[in-house]
Amino acid sequence: SDFMTRADIAAGRLVKLLEAHSTGFHQQIHAVYYRNTQLSQRISC
C-alpha cells in the first residue's frame, strides 16, 4: 500500500514498477466499532 511506502518512494529507497499496467486499484480503509454512547465522544474525536 501507498500509505506504508510513500516515504520510501519519495526518498528513492523503493522504485515503482509496471505503472503502465496498473489497474489503479485502491484498498479501502475503515474504522469499525460498536455503537456505545459513553464512548461516542472519544471515538468521534
All heavy atoms as atom14 arrays in JSON, in Angstrom:
{
  "sequence": "SDFMTRADIAAGRLVKLLEAHSTGFHQQIHAVYYRNTQLSQRISC",
  "atom14_mask": [
    [1, 1, 1, 1, 1, 1, 0, 0, 0, 0, 0, 0, 0, 0],
    [1, 1, 1, 1, 1, 1, 1, 1, 0, 0, 0, 0, 0, 0],
    [1, 1, 1, 1, 1, 1, 1, 1, 1, 1, 1, 0, 0, 0],
    [1, 1, 1, 1, 1, 1, 1, 1, 0, 0, 0, 0, 0, 0],
    [1, 1, 1, 1, 1, 1, 1, 0, 0, 0, 0, 0, 0, 0],
    [1, 1, 1, 1, 1, 1, 1, 1, 1, 1, 1, 0, 0, 0],
    [1, 1, 1, 1, 1, 0, 0, 0, 0, 0, 0, 0, 0, 0],
    [1, 1, 1, 1, 1, 1, 1, 1, 0, 0, 0, 0, 0, 0],
    [1, 1, 1, 1, 1, 1, 1, 1, 0, 0, 0, 0, 0, 0],
    [1, 1, 1, 1, 1, 0, 0, 0, 0, 0, 0, 0, 0, 0],
    [1, 1, 1, 1, 1, 0, 0, 0, 0, 0, 0, 0, 0, 0],
    [1, 1, 1, 1, 0, 0, 0, 0, 0, 0, 0, 0, 0, 0],
    [1, 1, 1, 1, 1, 1, 1, 1, 1, 1, 1, 0, 0, 0],
    [1, 1, 1, 1, 1, 1, 1, 1, 0, 0, 0, 0, 0, 0],
    [1, 1, 1, 1, 1, 1, 1, 0, 0, 0, 0, 0, 0, 0],
    [1, 1, 1, 1, 1, 1, 1, 1, 1, 0, 0, 0, 0, 0],
    [1, 1, 1, 1, 1, 1, 1, 1, 0, 0, 0, 0, 0, 0],
    [1, 1, 1, 1, 1, 1, 1, 1, 0, 0, 0, 0, 0, 0],
    [1, 1, 1, 1, 1, 1, 1, 1, 1, 0, 0, 0, 0, 0],
    [1, 1, 1, 1, 1, 0, 0, 0, 0, 0, 0, 0, 0, 0],
    [1, 1, 1, 1, 1, 1, 1, 1, 1, 1, 0, 0, 0, 0],
    [1, 1, 1, 1, 1, 1, 0, 0, 0, 0, 0, 0, 0, 0],
    [1, 1, 1, 1, 1, 1, 1, 0, 0, 0, 0, 0, 0, 0],
    [1, 1, 1, 1, 0, 0, 0, 0, 0, 0, 0, 0, 0, 0],
    [1, 1, 1, 1, 1, 1, 1, 1, 1, 1, 1, 0, 0, 0],
    [1, 1, 1, 1, 1, 1, 1, 1, 1, 1, 0, 0, 0, 0],
    [1, 1, 1, 1, 1, 1, 1, 1, 1, 0, 0, 0, 0, 0],
    [1, 1, 1, 1, 1, 1, 1, 1, 1, 0, 0, 0, 0, 0],
    [1, 1, 1, 1, 1, 1, 1, 1, 0, 0, 0, 0, 0, 0],
    [1, 1, 1, 1, 1, 1, 1, 1, 1, 1, 0, 0, 0, 0],
    [1, 1, 1, 1, 1, 0, 0, 0, 0, 0, 0, 0, 0, 0],
    [1, 1, 1, 1, 1, 1, 1, 0, 0, 0, 0, 0, 0, 0],
    [1, 1, 1, 1, 1, 1, 1, 1, 1, 1, 1, 1, 0, 0],
    [1, 1, 1, 1, 1, 1, 1, 1, 1, 1, 1, 1, 0, 0],
    [1, 1, 1, 1, 1, 1, 1, 1, 1, 1, 1, 0, 0, 0],
    [1, 1, 1, 1, 1, 1, 1, 1, 0, 0, 0, 0, 0, 0],
    [1, 1, 1, 1, 1, 1, 1, 0, 0, 0, 0, 0, 0, 0],
    [1, 1, 1, 1, 1, 1, 1, 1, 1, 0, 0, 0, 0, 0],
    [1, 1, 1, 1, 1, 1, 1, 1, 0, 0, 0, 0, 0, 0],
    [1, 1, 1, 1, 1, 1, 0, 0, 0, 0, 0, 0, 0, 0],
    [1, 1, 1, 1, 1, 1, 1, 1, 1, 0, 0, 0, 0, 0],
    [1, 1, 1, 1, 1, 1, 1, 1, 1, 1, 1, 0, 0, 0],
    [1, 1, 1, 1, 1, 1, 1, 1, 0, 0, 0, 0, 0, 0],
    [1, 1, 1, 1, 1, 1, 0, 0, 0, 0, 0, 0, 0, 0],
    [1, 1, 1, 1, 1, 1, 0, 0, 0, 0, 0, 0, 0, 0]
  ],
  "atom14_positions": [
    [[0.82, -1.21, 0.0], [0.0, 0.0, 0.0], [0.85, 1.26, 0.0], [1.94, 1.3, 0.58], [-0.91, 0.02, 1.23], [-1.9, -0.97, 1.14], [0.0, 0.0, 0.0], [0.0, 0.0, 0.0], [0.0, 0.0, 0.0], [0.0, 0.0, 0.0], [0.0, 0.0, 0.0], [0.0, 0.0, 0.0], [0.0, 0.0, 0.0], [0.0, 0.0, 0.0]],
    [[0.29, 2.29, -0.59], [0.96, 3.58, -0.65], [1.21, 4.16, 0.74], [2.24, 4.78, 0.98], [0.1, 4.55, -1.48], [0.71, 5.93, -1.57], [1.63, 6.11, -2.38], [0.26, 6.84, -0.83], [0.0, 0.0, 0.0], [0.0, 0.0, 0.0], [0.0, 0.0, 0.0], [0.0, 0.0, 0.0], [0.0, 0.0, 0.0], [0.0, 0.0, 0.0]],
    [[0.24, 3.95, 1.69], [0.38, 4.59, 2.99], [1.64, 4.15, 3.73], [2.17, 4.89, 4.55], [-0.87, 4.36, 3.86], [-1.04, 2.96, 4.39], [-0.31, 2.51, 5.48], [-1.96, 2.1, 3.82], [-0.48, 1.23, 5.98], [-2.14, 0.81, 4.31], [-1.4, 0.38, 5.4], [0.0, 0.0, 0.0], [0.0, 0.0, 0.0], [0.0, 0.0, 0.0]],
    [[2.15, 2.94, 3.43], [3.33, 2.47, 4.14], [4.61, 2.58, 3.33], [5.7, 2.34, 3.85], [3.14, 1.02, 4.6], [2.96, 0.02, 3.47], [2.59, -1.66, 4.06], [4.08, -2.03, 4.98], [0.0, 0.0, 0.0], [0.0, 0.0, 0.0], [0.0, 0.0, 0.0], [0.0, 0.0, 0.0], [0.0, 0.0, 0.0], [0.0, 0.0, 0.0]],
    [[4.5, 2.96, 2.06], [5.7, 3.04, 1.21], [5.92, 4.42, 0.6], [6.9, 4.64, -0.1], [5.59, 2.01, 0.07], [4.39, 2.26, -0.68], [5.56, 0.59, 0.61], [0.0, 0.0, 0.0], [0.0, 0.0, 0.0], [0.0, 0.0, 0.0], [0.0, 0.0, 0.0], [0.0, 0.0, 0.0], [0.0, 0.0, 0.0], [0.0, 0.0, 0.0]],
    [[5.03, 5.36, 0.88], [5.11, 6.68, 0.25], [6.45, 7.36, 0.51], [7.08, 7.9, -0.39], [3.97, 7.54, 0.77], [3.79, 8.88, 0.06], [2.6, 9.62, 0.63], [1.43, 8.77, 0.66], [0.5, 8.8, 1.62], [0.64, 9.63, 2.64], [-0.55, 8.01, 1.56], [0.0, 0.0, 0.0], [0.0, 0.0, 0.0], [0.0, 0.0, 0.0]],
    [[6.89, 7.31, 1.78], [8.16, 7.96, 2.13], [9.33, 7.27, 1.45], [10.29, 7.92, 1.01], [8.34, 7.96, 3.65], [0.0, 0.0, 0.0], [0.0, 0.0, 0.0], [0.0, 0.0, 0.0], [0.0, 0.0, 0.0], [0.0, 0.0, 0.0], [0.0, 0.0, 0.0], [0.0, 0.0, 0.0], [0.0, 0.0, 0.0], [0.0, 0.0, 0.0]],
    [[9.27, 5.93, 1.34], [10.35, 5.18, 0.68], [10.43, 5.55, -0.81], [11.52, 5.69, -1.36], [10.11, 3.68, 0.82], [10.12, 3.22, 2.27], [10.94, 3.73, 3.05], [9.29, 2.36, 2.61], [0.0, 0.0, 0.0], [0.0, 0.0, 0.0], [0.0, 0.0, 0.0], [0.0, 0.0, 0.0], [0.0, 0.0, 0.0], [0.0, 0.0, 0.0]],
    [[9.28, 5.7, -1.44], [9.24, 6.06, -2.86], [9.8, 7.47, -3.05], [10.61, 7.72, -3.96], [7.8, 5.94, -3.41], [7.33, 4.48, -3.37], [7.71, 6.49, -4.83], [5.83, 4.32, -3.6], [0.0, 0.0, 0.0], [0.0, 0.0, 0.0], [0.0, 0.0, 0.0], [0.0, 0.0, 0.0], [0.0, 0.0, 0.0], [0.0, 0.0, 0.0]],
    [[9.36, 8.39, -2.2], [9.82, 9.78, -2.32], [11.33, 9.89, -2.11], [11.99, 10.71, -2.77], [9.08, 10.65, -1.31], [0.0, 0.0, 0.0], [0.0, 0.0, 0.0], [0.0, 0.0, 0.0], [0.0, 0.0, 0.0], [0.0, 0.0, 0.0], [0.0, 0.0, 0.0], [0.0, 0.0, 0.0], [0.0, 0.0, 0.0], [0.0, 0.0, 0.0]],
    [[11.87, 9.03, -1.23], [13.31, 9.08, -0.93], [14.14, 8.25, -1.9], [15.37, 8.27, -1.84], [13.56, 8.62, 0.5], [0.0, 0.0, 0.0], [0.0, 0.0, 0.0], [0.0, 0.0, 0.0], [0.0, 0.0, 0.0], [0.0, 0.0, 0.0], [0.0, 0.0, 0.0], [0.0, 0.0, 0.0], [0.0, 0.0, 0.0], [0.0, 0.0, 0.0]],
    [[13.47, 7.5, -2.8], [14.2, 6.68, -3.76], [14.64, 5.35, -3.22], [15.39, 4.62, -3.89], [0.0, 0.0, 0.0], [0.0, 0.0, 0.0], [0.0, 0.0, 0.0], [0.0, 0.0, 0.0], [0.0, 0.0, 0.0], [0.0, 0.0, 0.0], [0.0, 0.0, 0.0], [0.0, 0.0, 0.0], [0.0, 0.0, 0.0], [0.0, 0.0, 0.0]],
    [[14.18, 4.99, -2.02], [14.57, 3.69, -1.44], [13.83, 2.55, -2.12], [14.31, 1.43, -2.17], [14.29, 3.69, 0.07], [15.15, 4.65, 0.86], [14.93, 4.49, 2.36], [13.58, 4.85, 2.77], [13.22, 6.05, 3.21], [14.13, 7.03, 3.27], [11.98, 6.3, 3.59], [0.0, 0.0, 0.0], [0.0, 0.0, 0.0], [0.0, 0.0, 0.0]],
    [[12.64, 2.85, -2.64], [11.87, 1.88, -3.42], [11.43, 2.55, -4.72], [11.14, 3.76, -4.74], [10.64, 1.39, -2.64], [10.92, 0.51, -1.41], [9.61, 0.21, -0.67], [11.61, -0.79, -1.8], [0.0, 0.0, 0.0], [0.0, 0.0, 0.0], [0.0, 0.0, 0.0], [0.0, 0.0, 0.0], [0.0, 0.0, 0.0], [0.0, 0.0, 0.0]],
    [[11.35, 1.76, -5.77], [11.01, 2.27, -7.1], [9.73, 1.61, -7.59], [9.57, 0.38, -7.49], [12.16, 1.98, -8.1], [11.79, 2.47, -9.5], [13.46, 2.61, -7.62], [0.0, 0.0, 0.0], [0.0, 0.0, 0.0], [0.0, 0.0, 0.0], [0.0, 0.0, 0.0], [0.0, 0.0, 0.0], [0.0, 0.0, 0.0], [0.0, 0.0, 0.0]],
    [[8.81, 2.4, -8.13], [7.57, 1.86, -8.69], [7.87, 1.13, -9.99], [8.65, 1.61, -10.82], [6.56, 2.97, -8.97], [5.99, 3.64, -7.75], [4.95, 4.68, -8.18], [4.41, 5.47, -7.02], [3.4, 6.47, -7.46], [0.0, 0.0, 0.0], [0.0, 0.0, 0.0], [0.0, 0.0, 0.0], [0.0, 0.0, 0.0], [0.0, 0.0, 0.0]],
    [[7.2, -0.03, -10.16], [7.37, -0.83, -11.36], [6.03, -1.03, -12.06], [4.97, -1.02, -11.43], [7.95, -2.21, -11.0], [9.26, -2.23, -10.2], [9.63, -3.66, -9.86], [10.37, -1.54, -10.97], [0.0, 0.0, 0.0], [0.0, 0.0, 0.0], [0.0, 0.0, 0.0], [0.0, 0.0, 0.0], [0.0, 0.0, 0.0], [0.0, 0.0, 0.0]],
    [[6.07, -1.23, -13.35], [4.92, -1.63, -14.15], [3.73, -0.69, -13.98], [2.57, -1.11, -13.99], [4.5, -3.07, -13.79], [5.59, -4.13, -13.97], [5.13, -5.46, -13.37], [5.92, -4.3, -15.45], [0.0, 0.0, 0.0], [0.0, 0.0, 0.0], [0.0, 0.0, 0.0], [0.0, 0.0, 0.0], [0.0, 0.0, 0.0], [0.0, 0.0, 0.0]],
    [[3.99, 0.62, -13.86], [2.91, 1.58, -13.64], [1.93, 1.61, -14.82], [0.73, 1.83, -14.62], [3.5, 2.97, -13.41], [4.23, 3.11, -12.09], [4.66, 4.55, -11.84], [3.83, 5.33, -11.34], [5.83, 4.88, -12.14], [0.0, 0.0, 0.0], [0.0, 0.0, 0.0], [0.0, 0.0, 0.0], [0.0, 0.0, 0.0], [0.0, 0.0, 0.0]],
    [[2.42, 1.39, -16.03], [1.54, 1.41, -17.2], [0.54, 0.26, -17.18], [-0.48, 0.3, -17.88], [2.38, 1.36, -18.47], [0.0, 0.0, 0.0], [0.0, 0.0, 0.0], [0.0, 0.0, 0.0], [0.0, 0.0, 0.0], [0.0, 0.0, 0.0], [0.0, 0.0, 0.0], [0.0, 0.0, 0.0], [0.0, 0.0, 0.0], [0.0, 0.0, 0.0]],
    [[0.83, -0.77, -16.39], [-0.03, -1.95, -16.32], [-0.93, -1.94, -15.08], [-1.73, -2.87, -14.9], [0.81, -3.23, -16.33], [1.63, -3.4, -17.57], [1.15, -4.02, -18.7], [2.9, -3.0, -17.86], [2.09, -4.02, -19.64], [3.17, -3.4, -19.15], [0.0, 0.0, 0.0], [0.0, 0.0, 0.0], [0.0, 0.0, 0.0], [0.0, 0.0, 0.0]],
    [[-0.8, -0.93, -14.24], [-1.59, -0.88, -13.01], [-3.07, -0.64, -13.31], [-3.41, 0.15, -14.19], [-1.07, 0.23, -12.1], [-1.93, 0.4, -10.98], [0.0, 0.0, 0.0], [0.0, 0.0, 0.0], [0.0, 0.0, 0.0], [0.0, 0.0, 0.0], [0.0, 0.0, 0.0], [0.0, 0.0, 0.0], [0.0, 0.0, 0.0], [0.0, 0.0, 0.0]],
    [[-3.95, -1.29, -12.56], [-5.39, -1.09, -12.71], [-5.88, 0.11, -11.91], [-7.05, 0.5, -12.03], [-6.17, -2.33, -12.25], [-5.96, -2.52, -10.84], [-5.74, -3.57, -13.02], [0.0, 0.0, 0.0], [0.0, 0.0, 0.0], [0.0, 0.0, 0.0], [0.0, 0.0, 0.0], [0.0, 0.0, 0.0], [0.0, 0.0, 0.0], [0.0, 0.0, 0.0]],
    [[-5.01, 0.67, -11.07], [-5.43, 1.81, -10.23], [-6.25, 1.39, -9.03], [-6.91, 2.22, -8.4], [0.0, 0.0, 0.0], [0.0, 0.0, 0.0], [0.0, 0.0, 0.0], [0.0, 0.0, 0.0], [0.0, 0.0, 0.0], [0.0, 0.0, 0.0], [0.0, 0.0, 0.0], [0.0, 0.0, 0.0], [0.0, 0.0, 0.0], [0.0, 0.0, 0.0]],
    [[-6.18, 0.13, -8.67], [-6.96, -0.38, -7.53], [-6.53, 0.29, -6.23], [-5.34, 0.49, -5.97], [-6.78, -1.9, -7.41], [-7.42, -2.49, -6.19], [-8.78, -2.71, -6.15], [-6.65, -2.83, -5.08], [-9.38, -3.27, -5.02], [-7.24, -3.39, -3.96], [-8.61, -3.6, -3.93], [0.0, 0.0, 0.0], [0.0, 0.0, 0.0], [0.0, 0.0, 0.0]],
    [[-7.52, 0.67, -5.41], [-7.27, 1.26, -4.09], [-7.82, 0.35, -3.0], [-8.96, -0.14, -3.1], [-7.95, 2.62, -3.97], [-7.22, 3.73, -4.65], [-6.9, 3.71, -6.0], [-6.75, 4.92, -4.17], [-6.27, 4.83, -6.32], [-6.16, 5.58, -5.23], [0.0, 0.0, 0.0], [0.0, 0.0, 0.0], [0.0, 0.0, 0.0], [0.0, 0.0, 0.0]],
    [[-7.04, 0.12, -1.97], [-7.52, -0.59, -0.79], [-8.33, 0.37, 0.08], [-7.91, 1.5, 0.34], [-6.36, -1.14, 0.04], [-5.69, -2.36, -0.55], [-4.64, -2.91, 0.4], [-3.86, -2.15, 0.99], [-4.59, -4.21, 0.55], [0.0, 0.0, 0.0], [0.0, 0.0, 0.0], [0.0, 0.0, 0.0], [0.0, 0.0, 0.0], [0.0, 0.0, 0.0]],
    [[-9.49, -0.07, 0.52], [-10.31, 0.75, 1.4], [-9.81, 0.66, 2.84], [-9.36, -0.4, 3.29], [-11.77, 0.32, 1.32], [-12.38, 0.47, -0.07], [-12.33, 1.9, -0.56], [-12.78, 2.82, 0.13], [-11.78, 2.1, -1.76], [0.0, 0.0, 0.0], [0.0, 0.0, 0.0], [0.0, 0.0, 0.0], [0.0, 0.0, 0.0], [0.0, 0.0, 0.0]],
    [[-9.91, 1.78, 3.55], [-9.52, 1.84, 4.96], [-10.75, 2.2, 5.78], [-11.36, 3.25, 5.56], [-8.4, 2.87, 5.18], [-7.18, 2.55, 4.31], [-8.0, 2.94, 6.66], [-6.1, 3.62, 4.32], [0.0, 0.0, 0.0], [0.0, 0.0, 0.0], [0.0, 0.0, 0.0], [0.0, 0.0, 0.0], [0.0, 0.0, 0.0], [0.0, 0.0, 0.0]],
    [[-11.13, 1.31, 6.69], [-12.32, 1.52, 7.52], [-11.97, 1.49, 9.0], [-11.02, 0.82, 9.41], [-13.37, 0.43, 7.26], [-14.06, 0.52, 5.94], [-13.55, -0.07, 4.8], [-15.22, 1.14, 5.57], [-14.38, 0.18, 3.78], [-15.38, 0.91, 4.22], [0.0, 0.0, 0.0], [0.0, 0.0, 0.0], [0.0, 0.0, 0.0], [0.0, 0.0, 0.0]],
    [[-12.78, 2.19, 9.77], [-12.77, 2.03, 11.22], [-14.03, 1.27, 11.59], [-15.12, 1.58, 11.1], [-12.75, 3.38, 11.9], [0.0, 0.0, 0.0], [0.0, 0.0, 0.0], [0.0, 0.0, 0.0], [0.0, 0.0, 0.0], [0.0, 0.0, 0.0], [0.0, 0.0, 0.0], [0.0, 0.0, 0.0], [0.0, 0.0, 0.0], [0.0, 0.0, 0.0]],
    [[-13.9, 0.25, 12.42], [-15.07, -0.5, 12.88], [-15.14, -0.4, 14.4], [-14.13, -0.39, 15.09], [-15.02, -1.98, 12.43], [-15.12, -2.09, 10.93], [-13.75, -2.67, 12.92], [0.0, 0.0, 0.0], [0.0, 0.0, 0.0], [0.0, 0.0, 0.0], [0.0, 0.0, 0.0], [0.0, 0.0, 0.0], [0.0, 0.0, 0.0], [0.0, 0.0, 0.0]],
    [[-16.39, -0.33, 14.91], [-16.58, -0.18, 16.34], [-18.03, -0.46, 16.67], [-18.92, -0.43, 15.82], [-16.19, 1.24, 16.8], [-16.84, 2.35, 16.01], [-18.03, 2.93, 16.43], [-16.27, 2.81, 14.82], [-18.63, 3.95, 15.7], [-16.85, 3.82, 14.09], [-18.04, 4.38, 14.53], [-18.63, 5.37, 13.79], [0.0, 0.0, 0.0], [0.0, 0.0, 0.0]],
    [[-18.29, -0.74, 17.94], [-19.65, -0.89, 18.42], [-20.22, 0.48, 18.72], [-19.5, 1.38, 19.16], [-19.72, -1.73, 19.69], [-19.51, -3.2, 19.46], [-18.34, -3.83, 19.88], [-20.47, -3.98, 18.83], [-18.13, -5.19, 19.67], [-20.29, -5.33, 18.61], [-19.12, -5.93, 19.05], [-18.91, -7.26, 18.84], [0.0, 0.0, 0.0], [0.0, 0.0, 0.0]],
    [[-21.5, 0.66, 18.5], [-22.15, 1.91, 18.91], [-22.24, 1.91, 20.44], [-22.77, 0.98, 21.04], [-23.56, 2.01, 18.33], [-23.57, 2.22, 16.83], [-24.99, 2.45, 16.35], [-25.06, 2.66, 14.91], [-24.9, 3.81, 14.32], [-24.63, 4.88, 15.05], [-25.0, 3.93, 13.01], [0.0, 0.0, 0.0], [0.0, 0.0, 0.0], [0.0, 0.0, 0.0]],
    [[-21.7, 2.93, 21.05], [-21.69, 3.0, 22.5], [-21.72, 4.47, 22.88], [-20.78, 5.22, 22.63], [-20.43, 2.32, 23.06], [-20.42, 2.27, 24.56], [-20.78, 3.23, 25.24], [-19.98, 1.15, 25.09], [0.0, 0.0, 0.0], [0.0, 0.0, 0.0], [0.0, 0.0, 0.0], [0.0, 0.0, 0.0], [0.0, 0.0, 0.0], [0.0, 0.0, 0.0]],
    [[-22.82, 4.9, 23.5], [-22.98, 6.32, 23.8], [-21.86, 6.84, 24.67], [-21.37, 7.95, 24.48], [-24.33, 6.55, 24.5], [-25.37, 6.06, 23.66], [-24.56, 8.02, 24.76], [0.0, 0.0, 0.0], [0.0, 0.0, 0.0], [0.0, 0.0, 0.0], [0.0, 0.0, 0.0], [0.0, 0.0, 0.0], [0.0, 0.0, 0.0], [0.0, 0.0, 0.0]],
    [[-21.42, 6.06, 25.64], [-20.38, 6.53, 26.55], [-19.05, 6.71, 25.83], [-18.23, 7.53, 26.23], [-20.21, 5.53, 27.7], [-21.42, 5.46, 28.62], [-21.26, 4.41, 29.69], [-20.45, 3.5, 29.56], [-22.03, 4.53, 30.75], [0.0, 0.0, 0.0], [0.0, 0.0, 0.0], [0.0, 0.0, 0.0], [0.0, 0.0, 0.0], [0.0, 0.0, 0.0]],
    [[-18.83, 5.96, 24.77], [-17.56, 6.05, 24.04], [-17.64, 6.99, 22.85], [-16.61, 7.35, 22.28], [-17.16, 4.66, 23.53], [-16.54, 3.7, 24.53], [-16.38, 2.34, 23.89], [-15.2, 4.21, 25.01], [0.0, 0.0, 0.0], [0.0, 0.0, 0.0], [0.0, 0.0, 0.0], [0.0, 0.0, 0.0], [0.0, 0.0, 0.0], [0.0, 0.0, 0.0]],
    [[-18.86, 7.4, 22.47], [-19.03, 8.09, 21.2], [-18.17, 9.34, 21.09], [-17.65, 9.65, 20.02], [-20.5, 8.45, 20.99], [-20.95, 9.32, 22.01], [0.0, 0.0, 0.0], [0.0, 0.0, 0.0], [0.0, 0.0, 0.0], [0.0, 0.0, 0.0], [0.0, 0.0, 0.0], [0.0, 0.0, 0.0], [0.0, 0.0, 0.0], [0.0, 0.0, 0.0]],
    [[-18.02, 10.06, 22.19], [-17.25, 11.29, 22.15], [-15.79, 11.02, 21.84], [-15.18, 11.67, 20.99], [-17.39, 12.01, 23.5], [-16.79, 13.4, 23.51], [-16.88, 14.02, 24.89], [-17.17, 13.35, 25.85], [-16.62, 15.31, 24.96], [0.0, 0.0, 0.0], [0.0, 0.0, 0.0], [0.0, 0.0, 0.0], [0.0, 0.0, 0.0], [0.0, 0.0, 0.0]],
    [[-15.21, 10.03, 22.52], [-13.8, 9.69, 22.27], [-13.61, 9.12, 20.87], [-12.65, 9.46, 20.17], [-13.32, 8.69, 23.33], [-12.92, 9.31, 24.64], [-12.79, 8.25, 25.72], [-14.09, 7.97, 26.33], [-14.31, 6.97, 27.17], [-13.36, 6.14, 27.47], [-15.5, 6.8, 27.7], [0.0, 0.0, 0.0], [0.0, 0.0, 0.0], [0.0, 0.0, 0.0]],
    [[-14.52, 8.24, 20.47], [-14.42, 7.64, 19.14], [-14.51, 8.71, 18.06], [-13.71, 8.75, 17.13], [-15.52, 6.58, 18.95], [-15.21, 5.34, 19.79], [-15.67, 6.2, 17.48], [-16.31, 4.29, 19.77], [0.0, 0.0, 0.0], [0.0, 0.0, 0.0], [0.0, 0.0, 0.0], [0.0, 0.0, 0.0], [0.0, 0.0, 0.0], [0.0, 0.0, 0.0]],
    [[-15.48, 9.61, 18.19], [-15.69, 10.63, 17.17], [-14.48, 11.54, 17.03], [-14.04, 11.82, 15.91], [-16.93, 11.47, 17.52], [-18.1, 10.69, 17.45], [0.0, 0.0, 0.0], [0.0, 0.0, 0.0], [0.0, 0.0, 0.0], [0.0, 0.0, 0.0], [0.0, 0.0, 0.0], [0.0, 0.0, 0.0], [0.0, 0.0, 0.0], [0.0, 0.0, 0.0]],
    [[-13.94, 12.0, 18.16], [-12.81, 12.94, 18.05], [-11.59, 12.25, 17.46], [-10.85, 12.85, 16.68], [-12.5, 13.6, 19.39], [-11.78, 12.52, 20.64], [0.0, 0.0, 0.0], [0.0, 0.0, 0.0], [0.0, 0.0, 0.0], [0.0, 0.0, 0.0], [0.0, 0.0, 0.0], [0.0, 0.0, 0.0], [0.0, 0.0, 0.0], [0.0, 0.0, 0.0]]
  ]
}
